[in-house]
Amino acid sequence: MQGSSSISSSSVEAPTPHCHYGVRSPIRTAWKCDYPGRRFYGCSGYGTSMKCSFFQWYDPAPPARYADVIRRLLETNEGIRSENTKLKKTRQELLDEMRRLQQSVHETTAELEGAVAASMAMEDNMLASVATTRRRGVVIIVLISVIVFVDLIALAMCFQSN
């Protein structure tokens, strides 16, 4: 069963009524009265300086139950709109917080990369220093060995000459 939002018309349409000033009155829809969604003819000068009060219902009066259903639907719709507004605000707040956190992560990452680079430079310097110290140690041991060897040779020569 399909619903239709169009209005079927008979072969002869009713003439559009004219307001108290003789102007054709367009069909409007009432939303803030006891018949929300009900259409009516109203003066096209409504809300202007013409001050015409012409009014005539276009739709027949619906059963009272319809008005209640439509009213509840409108209230539900307003609640959904309100919740949607709150959710949009919360979403925006979360997006803002996410941007702040991303910026913080970016800054922290940059700091960590700098600290890692400095640590690696220090490690390279320490390794170079250790290598230099080892070379010096080897040189000192060789020098001491040479001095001891020369002393031993000199001492041995002294004993041979006696």
Protein backbone atom coordinates (compact mmCIF):
# COMPACT_ATOMS: atom_id res chain seq x y z
CA MET A 1 0.00 0.00 0.00
CA GLN A 2 1.63 3.21 -1.15
CA GLY A 3 0.97 6.65 0.28
CA SER A 4 0.79 9.73 -1.83
CA SER A 5 1.69 13.23 -0.83
CA SER A 6 -0.13 14.83 -3.72
CA ILE A 7 -3.71 16.00 -3.64
CA SER A 8 -6.02 14.55 -6.21
CA SER A 9 -8.22 17.07 -7.89
CA SER A 10 -11.54 16.66 -9.55
CA SER A 11 -12.14 17.72 -13.10
CA VAL A 12 -13.58 21.00 -11.84
CA GLU A 13 -11.48 22.83 -9.28
CA ALA A 14 -13.03 25.11 -6.74
CA PRO A 15 -12.25 28.76 -7.41
CA THR A 16 -9.55 30.32 -5.25
CA PRO A 17 -11.21 32.70 -2.80
CA HIS A 18 -10.31 36.35 -2.69
CA CYS A 19 -9.61 38.32 0.48
CA HIS A 20 -11.49 41.40 1.66
CA TYR A 21 -9.34 43.50 -0.71
CA GLY A 22 -10.20 41.34 -3.73
CA VAL A 23 -6.74 39.72 -3.90
CA ARG A 24 -6.45 35.96 -4.50
CA SER A 25 -5.62 34.18 -1.27
CA PRO A 26 -2.86 31.54 -1.49
CA ILE A 27 -3.04 28.23 0.32
CA ARG A 28 -0.98 28.22 3.52
CA THR A 29 -0.30 25.58 6.16
CA ALA A 30 -1.07 26.07 9.84
CA TRP A 31 1.58 24.81 12.26
CA LYS A 32 1.01 26.78 15.44
CA CYS A 33 -2.62 26.21 16.15
CA ASP A 34 -4.97 23.42 17.17
CA TYR A 35 -4.72 21.99 13.64
CA PRO A 36 -1.05 21.61 12.79
CA GLY A 37 -0.52 20.72 9.16
CA ARG A 38 -4.03 21.79 8.13
CA ARG A 39 -4.12 24.01 5.06
CA PHE A 40 -6.08 27.22 4.73
CA TYR A 41 -6.59 30.20 2.48
CA GLY A 42 -5.10 33.37 3.87
CA CYS A 43 -4.68 36.87 2.55
CA SER A 44 -1.41 37.34 0.65
CA GLY A 45 -1.06 40.64 2.48
CA TYR A 46 -0.83 38.93 5.87
CA GLY A 47 1.99 40.43 7.90
CA THR A 48 2.11 43.59 5.78
CA SER A 49 0.46 46.97 6.09
CA MET A 50 -2.76 45.70 4.43
CA LYS A 51 -4.05 44.31 7.76
CA CYS A 52 -6.51 41.99 6.04
CA SER A 53 -7.88 39.27 8.31
CA PHE A 54 -9.28 36.97 5.60
CA PHE A 55 -9.15 33.30 6.62
CA GLN A 56 -10.87 30.18 5.25
CA TRP A 57 -10.01 26.52 5.80
CA TYR A 58 -8.94 24.64 2.67
CA ASP A 59 -8.78 21.18 4.27
CA PRO A 60 -11.77 19.72 6.09
CA ALA A 61 -11.47 19.49 9.86
CA PRO A 62 -9.58 16.32 10.78
CA PRO A 63 -10.68 14.05 13.63
CA ALA A 64 -9.32 15.23 17.00
CA ARG A 65 -7.05 12.18 17.15
CA TYR A 66 -5.17 13.41 14.06
CA ALA A 67 -4.41 16.73 15.66
CA ASP A 68 -3.05 14.92 18.74
CA VAL A 69 -0.91 12.62 16.59
CA ILE A 70 0.44 15.52 14.55
CA ARG A 71 1.10 17.55 17.70
CA ARG A 72 3.01 14.64 19.28
CA LEU A 73 4.96 14.13 16.06
CA LEU A 74 5.87 17.81 16.04
CA GLU A 75 6.97 17.60 19.68
CA THR A 76 9.01 14.49 18.91
CA ASN A 77 10.50 16.24 15.91
CA GLU A 78 11.44 19.23 18.09
CA GLY A 79 13.04 16.87 20.62
CA ILE A 80 15.02 15.20 17.85
CA ARG A 81 16.12 18.59 16.52
CA SER A 82 17.19 19.63 20.01
CA GLU A 83 19.12 16.39 20.49
CA ASN A 84 20.67 16.84 17.05
CA THR A 85 21.82 20.34 18.00
CA LYS A 86 23.35 19.00 21.22
CA LEU A 87 25.07 16.19 19.31
CA LYS A 88 26.46 18.67 16.78
CA LYS A 89 27.84 20.78 19.62
CA THR A 90 29.35 17.70 21.31
CA ARG A 91 30.79 16.57 17.97
CA GLN A 92 32.38 19.97 17.43
CA GLU A 93 33.82 19.95 20.96
CA LEU A 94 35.24 16.46 20.34
CA LEU A 95 36.72 17.56 17.00
CA ASP A 96 38.32 20.56 18.70
CA GLU A 97 39.74 18.32 21.45
CA MET A 98 41.01 15.86 18.83
CA ARG A 99 42.79 18.71 17.00
CA ARG A 100 44.38 19.86 20.27
CA LEU A 101 45.50 16.31 21.02
CA GLN A 102 46.87 15.85 17.50
CA GLN A 103 48.83 19.10 17.88
CA SER A 104 50.14 17.89 21.24
CA VAL A 105 51.16 14.54 19.72
CA HIS A 106 52.90 16.38 16.89
CA GLU A 107 54.80 18.60 19.32
CA THR A 108 55.70 15.67 21.59
CA THR A 109 56.87 13.63 18.60
CA ALA A 110 59.10 16.50 17.50
CA GLU A 111 60.55 16.79 21.03
CA LEU A 112 61.16 13.03 21.18
CA GLU A 113 62.84 13.03 17.78
CA GLY A 114 65.11 15.84 18.98
CA ALA A 115 65.91 13.94 22.18
CA VAL A 116 66.65 10.74 20.23
CA ALA A 117 68.95 12.65 17.87
CA ALA A 118 70.77 14.24 20.83
CA SER A 119 71.05 10.83 22.54
CA MET A 120 72.46 9.26 19.39
CA ALA A 121 74.99 12.10 19.05
CA MET A 122 76.02 11.59 22.69
CA GLU A 123 76.37 7.85 22.08
CA ASP A 124 78.53 8.49 19.02
CA ASN A 125 80.72 10.86 21.07
CA MET A 126 81.02 8.31 23.88
CA LEU A 127 81.96 5.54 21.43
CA ALA A 128 84.58 7.80 19.86
CA SER A 129 85.88 8.67 23.33
CA VAL A 130 86.06 4.97 24.30
CA ALA A 131 87.91 4.17 21.09
CA THR A 132 90.37 7.02 21.74
CA THR A 133 90.85 5.87 25.35
CA ARG A 134 91.51 2.30 24.17
CA ARG A 135 94.06 3.51 21.64
CA ARG A 136 95.77 5.55 24.35
CA GLY A 137 95.73 2.53 26.66
CA VAL A 138 97.32 0.37 23.99
CA VAL A 139 99.94 3.05 23.29
CA ILE A 140 100.72 3.34 27.04
CA ILE A 141 101.01 -0.44 27.40
CA VAL A 142 103.31 -0.60 24.36
CA LEU A 143 105.41 2.28 25.75
CA ILE A 144 105.63 0.66 29.18
CA SER A 145 106.50 -2.65 27.55
CA VAL A 146 109.24 -0.99 25.50
CA ILE A 147 110.61 0.81 28.57
CA VAL A 148 110.59 -2.39 30.61
CA PHE A 149 112.17 -4.32 27.76
CA VAL A 150 114.87 -1.67 27.31
CA ASP A 151 115.50 -1.66 31.09
CA LEU A 152 115.73 -5.43 31.12
CA ILE A 153 118.19 -5.38 28.25
CA ALA A 154 120.21 -2.69 29.99
CA LEU A 155 120.14 -4.66 33.23
CA ALA A 156 121.15 -7.83 31.42
CA MET A 157 124.06 -6.02 29.81
CA CYS A 158 125.15 -4.76 33.18
CA PHE A 159 125.24 -8.28 34.54
CA GLN A 160 127.16 -9.60 31.55
CA SER A 161 129.81 -7.01 31.85
CA ASN A 162 130.47 -7.99 35.48
